[in-house]
């Protein structure tokens, strides 16, 4: 079962949510809310940013393949 945006509370939840979500607005909102957590380490922030970049690239590839 897919996670709902409001169910994302932990880093593992967020990483699953990033993988499963293709809606950029929802993804941006959830990631932004998560990154506001002052307890999040710099390493975890970097990991989240890396996973978001990977997801953006993956979605761009899918979109380009559909255009072919």
N, C-alpha and C. Protein backbone atom coordinates (compact mmCIF):
# COMPACT_ATOMS: atom_id res chain seq x y z
N UNK A 1 0.84 -1.19 0.00
CA UNK A 1 0.00 0.00 0.00
C UNK A 1 0.88 1.25 0.00
N UNK A 2 0.56 2.19 -0.83
CA UNK A 2 1.35 3.40 -0.96
C UNK A 2 1.18 4.30 0.26
N UNK A 3 2.26 4.97 0.61
CA UNK A 3 2.21 5.92 1.71
C UNK A 3 1.46 7.18 1.29
N UNK A 4 0.70 7.72 2.21
CA UNK A 4 0.07 9.02 1.98
C UNK A 4 1.04 10.09 2.44
N UNK A 5 0.98 11.29 1.85
CA UNK A 5 1.91 12.35 2.26
C UNK A 5 1.93 12.59 3.77
N UNK A 6 0.77 12.54 4.40
CA UNK A 6 0.71 12.82 5.84
C UNK A 6 1.26 11.67 6.69
N UNK A 7 1.49 10.51 6.09
CA UNK A 7 2.04 9.36 6.82
C UNK A 7 3.56 9.35 6.87
N UNK A 8 4.21 10.23 6.13
CA UNK A 8 5.67 10.24 6.06
C UNK A 8 6.21 10.92 7.32
N UNK A 9 6.84 10.11 8.18
CA UNK A 9 7.35 10.65 9.45
C UNK A 9 8.83 10.34 9.67
N UNK A 10 9.32 9.29 9.03
CA UNK A 10 10.71 8.89 9.24
C UNK A 10 11.47 8.95 7.91
N UNK A 11 12.78 8.91 8.01
CA UNK A 11 13.60 8.91 6.80
C UNK A 11 13.29 7.71 5.91
N UNK A 12 13.18 6.49 6.47
CA UNK A 12 12.81 5.36 5.60
C UNK A 12 11.46 5.57 4.91
N UNK A 13 10.49 6.14 5.64
CA UNK A 13 9.19 6.46 5.02
C UNK A 13 9.38 7.40 3.85
N UNK A 14 10.19 8.42 4.06
CA UNK A 14 10.39 9.42 3.01
C UNK A 14 11.06 8.80 1.79
N UNK A 15 12.04 7.94 2.00
CA UNK A 15 12.73 7.32 0.88
C UNK A 15 11.78 6.44 0.07
N UNK A 16 10.89 5.73 0.74
CA UNK A 16 9.87 4.93 0.04
C UNK A 16 8.92 5.85 -0.71
N UNK A 17 8.50 6.92 -0.06
CA UNK A 17 7.57 7.87 -0.67
C UNK A 17 8.17 8.48 -1.95
N UNK A 18 9.46 8.82 -1.90
CA UNK A 18 10.13 9.39 -3.08
C UNK A 18 10.09 8.38 -4.22
N UNK A 19 10.35 7.12 -3.93
CA UNK A 19 10.33 6.08 -4.97
C UNK A 19 8.95 5.92 -5.58
N UNK A 20 7.91 5.97 -4.74
CA UNK A 20 6.56 5.65 -5.19
C UNK A 20 5.82 6.82 -5.82
N UNK A 21 6.23 8.03 -5.54
CA UNK A 21 5.46 9.20 -5.94
C UNK A 21 5.96 9.76 -7.26
N UNK A 22 5.03 10.06 -8.15
CA UNK A 22 5.42 10.69 -9.40
C UNK A 22 4.83 12.10 -9.53
N UNK A 23 4.05 12.53 -8.55
CA UNK A 23 3.47 13.87 -8.57
C UNK A 23 4.50 14.85 -8.00
N UNK A 24 5.06 15.72 -8.85
CA UNK A 24 6.14 16.60 -8.38
C UNK A 24 5.71 17.58 -7.29
N UNK A 25 4.47 18.07 -7.35
CA UNK A 25 4.02 19.03 -6.33
C UNK A 25 3.91 18.35 -4.97
N UNK A 26 3.33 17.17 -4.93
CA UNK A 26 3.20 16.43 -3.67
C UNK A 26 4.58 16.08 -3.14
N UNK A 27 5.45 15.62 -4.01
CA UNK A 27 6.81 15.25 -3.60
C UNK A 27 7.52 16.46 -3.02
N UNK A 28 7.44 17.59 -3.70
CA UNK A 28 8.11 18.81 -3.23
C UNK A 28 7.58 19.21 -1.85
N UNK A 29 6.26 19.17 -1.67
CA UNK A 29 5.67 19.57 -0.39
C UNK A 29 6.11 18.67 0.76
N UNK A 30 6.11 17.36 0.51
CA UNK A 30 6.48 16.41 1.56
C UNK A 30 7.97 16.53 1.89
N UNK A 31 8.80 16.64 0.87
CA UNK A 31 10.24 16.76 1.11
C UNK A 31 10.55 18.07 1.84
N UNK A 32 9.91 19.16 1.41
CA UNK A 32 10.15 20.45 2.07
C UNK A 32 9.75 20.38 3.55
N UNK A 33 8.61 19.78 3.83
CA UNK A 33 8.16 19.64 5.23
C UNK A 33 9.16 18.80 6.02
N UNK A 34 9.63 17.73 5.42
CA UNK A 34 10.56 16.83 6.09
C UNK A 34 11.89 17.53 6.37
N UNK A 35 12.37 18.33 5.42
CA UNK A 35 13.66 18.99 5.58
C UNK A 35 13.62 20.11 6.61
N UNK A 36 12.43 20.55 7.01
CA UNK A 36 12.31 21.57 8.05
C UNK A 36 12.67 21.02 9.44
N UNK A 37 12.72 19.71 9.57
CA UNK A 37 13.02 19.08 10.86
C UNK A 37 14.45 19.43 11.28
N UNK A 38 14.61 20.17 12.38
CA UNK A 38 15.95 20.57 12.81
C UNK A 38 16.80 19.40 13.31
N UNK A 39 16.18 18.28 13.60
CA UNK A 39 16.93 17.12 14.09
C UNK A 39 17.54 16.29 12.97
N UNK A 40 17.21 16.61 11.74
CA UNK A 40 17.72 15.86 10.59
C UNK A 40 19.20 16.18 10.39
N UNK A 41 20.02 15.16 10.29
CA UNK A 41 21.46 15.39 10.13
C UNK A 41 21.78 15.87 8.71
N UNK A 42 22.95 16.46 8.56
CA UNK A 42 23.38 16.92 7.23
C UNK A 42 23.50 15.75 6.27
N UNK A 43 23.97 14.61 6.76
CA UNK A 43 24.09 13.43 5.90
C UNK A 43 22.72 12.98 5.41
N UNK A 44 21.73 13.00 6.31
CA UNK A 44 20.38 12.60 5.92
C UNK A 44 19.79 13.60 4.93
N UNK A 45 20.04 14.89 5.14
CA UNK A 45 19.57 15.92 4.20
C UNK A 45 20.18 15.68 2.82
N UNK A 46 21.47 15.39 2.80
CA UNK A 46 22.14 15.13 1.52
C UNK A 46 21.55 13.90 0.84
N UNK A 47 21.26 12.87 1.61
CA UNK A 47 20.67 11.65 1.06
C UNK A 47 19.31 11.95 0.45
N UNK A 48 18.48 12.71 1.15
CA UNK A 48 17.15 13.07 0.65
C UNK A 48 17.29 13.85 -0.65
N UNK A 49 18.17 14.82 -0.67
CA UNK A 49 18.37 15.63 -1.89
C UNK A 49 18.84 14.76 -3.05
N UNK A 50 19.74 13.83 -2.77
CA UNK A 50 20.24 12.92 -3.81
C UNK A 50 19.10 12.07 -4.37
N UNK A 51 18.28 11.52 -3.49
CA UNK A 51 17.17 10.67 -3.93
C UNK A 51 16.15 11.47 -4.74
N UNK A 52 15.91 12.72 -4.36
CA UNK A 52 14.98 13.57 -5.12
C UNK A 52 15.55 13.84 -6.50
N UNK A 53 16.84 14.15 -6.58
CA UNK A 53 17.48 14.37 -7.89
C UNK A 53 17.37 13.13 -8.77
N UNK A 54 17.61 11.95 -8.18
CA UNK A 54 17.49 10.70 -8.93
C UNK A 54 16.06 10.51 -9.44
N UNK A 55 15.10 10.83 -8.60
CA UNK A 55 13.69 10.68 -8.98
C UNK A 55 13.34 11.63 -10.12
N UNK A 56 13.82 12.87 -10.05
CA UNK A 56 13.57 13.85 -11.11
C UNK A 56 14.15 13.35 -12.42
N UNK A 57 15.37 12.84 -12.38
CA UNK A 57 16.00 12.31 -13.60
C UNK A 57 15.22 11.12 -14.15
N UNK A 58 14.78 10.25 -13.26
CA UNK A 58 14.00 9.08 -13.68
C UNK A 58 12.70 9.52 -14.37
N UNK A 59 12.02 10.48 -13.79
CA UNK A 59 10.76 10.97 -14.37
C UNK A 59 11.01 11.65 -15.72
N UNK A 60 12.12 12.38 -15.84
CA UNK A 60 12.47 13.01 -17.13
C UNK A 60 12.72 11.94 -18.19
N UNK A 61 13.43 10.88 -17.81
CA UNK A 61 13.69 9.78 -18.76
C UNK A 61 12.39 9.15 -19.22
N UNK A 62 11.49 8.89 -18.27
CA UNK A 62 10.19 8.29 -18.62
C UNK A 62 9.43 9.20 -19.58
N UNK A 63 9.43 10.47 -19.29
CA UNK A 63 8.71 11.44 -20.12
C UNK A 63 9.30 11.48 -21.53
N UNK A 64 10.62 11.48 -21.62
CA UNK A 64 11.28 11.50 -22.93
C UNK A 64 11.01 10.22 -23.72
N UNK A 65 10.95 9.09 -23.04
CA UNK A 65 10.66 7.83 -23.72
C UNK A 65 9.24 7.80 -24.25
N UNK A 66 8.32 8.43 -23.54
CA UNK A 66 6.94 8.49 -24.01
C UNK A 66 6.80 9.36 -25.25
N UNK A 67 7.68 10.34 -25.39
CA UNK A 67 7.63 11.23 -26.55
C UNK A 67 8.10 10.53 -27.83
N UNK A 68 8.89 9.48 -27.69
CA UNK A 68 9.45 8.78 -28.86
C UNK A 68 8.39 8.02 -29.61
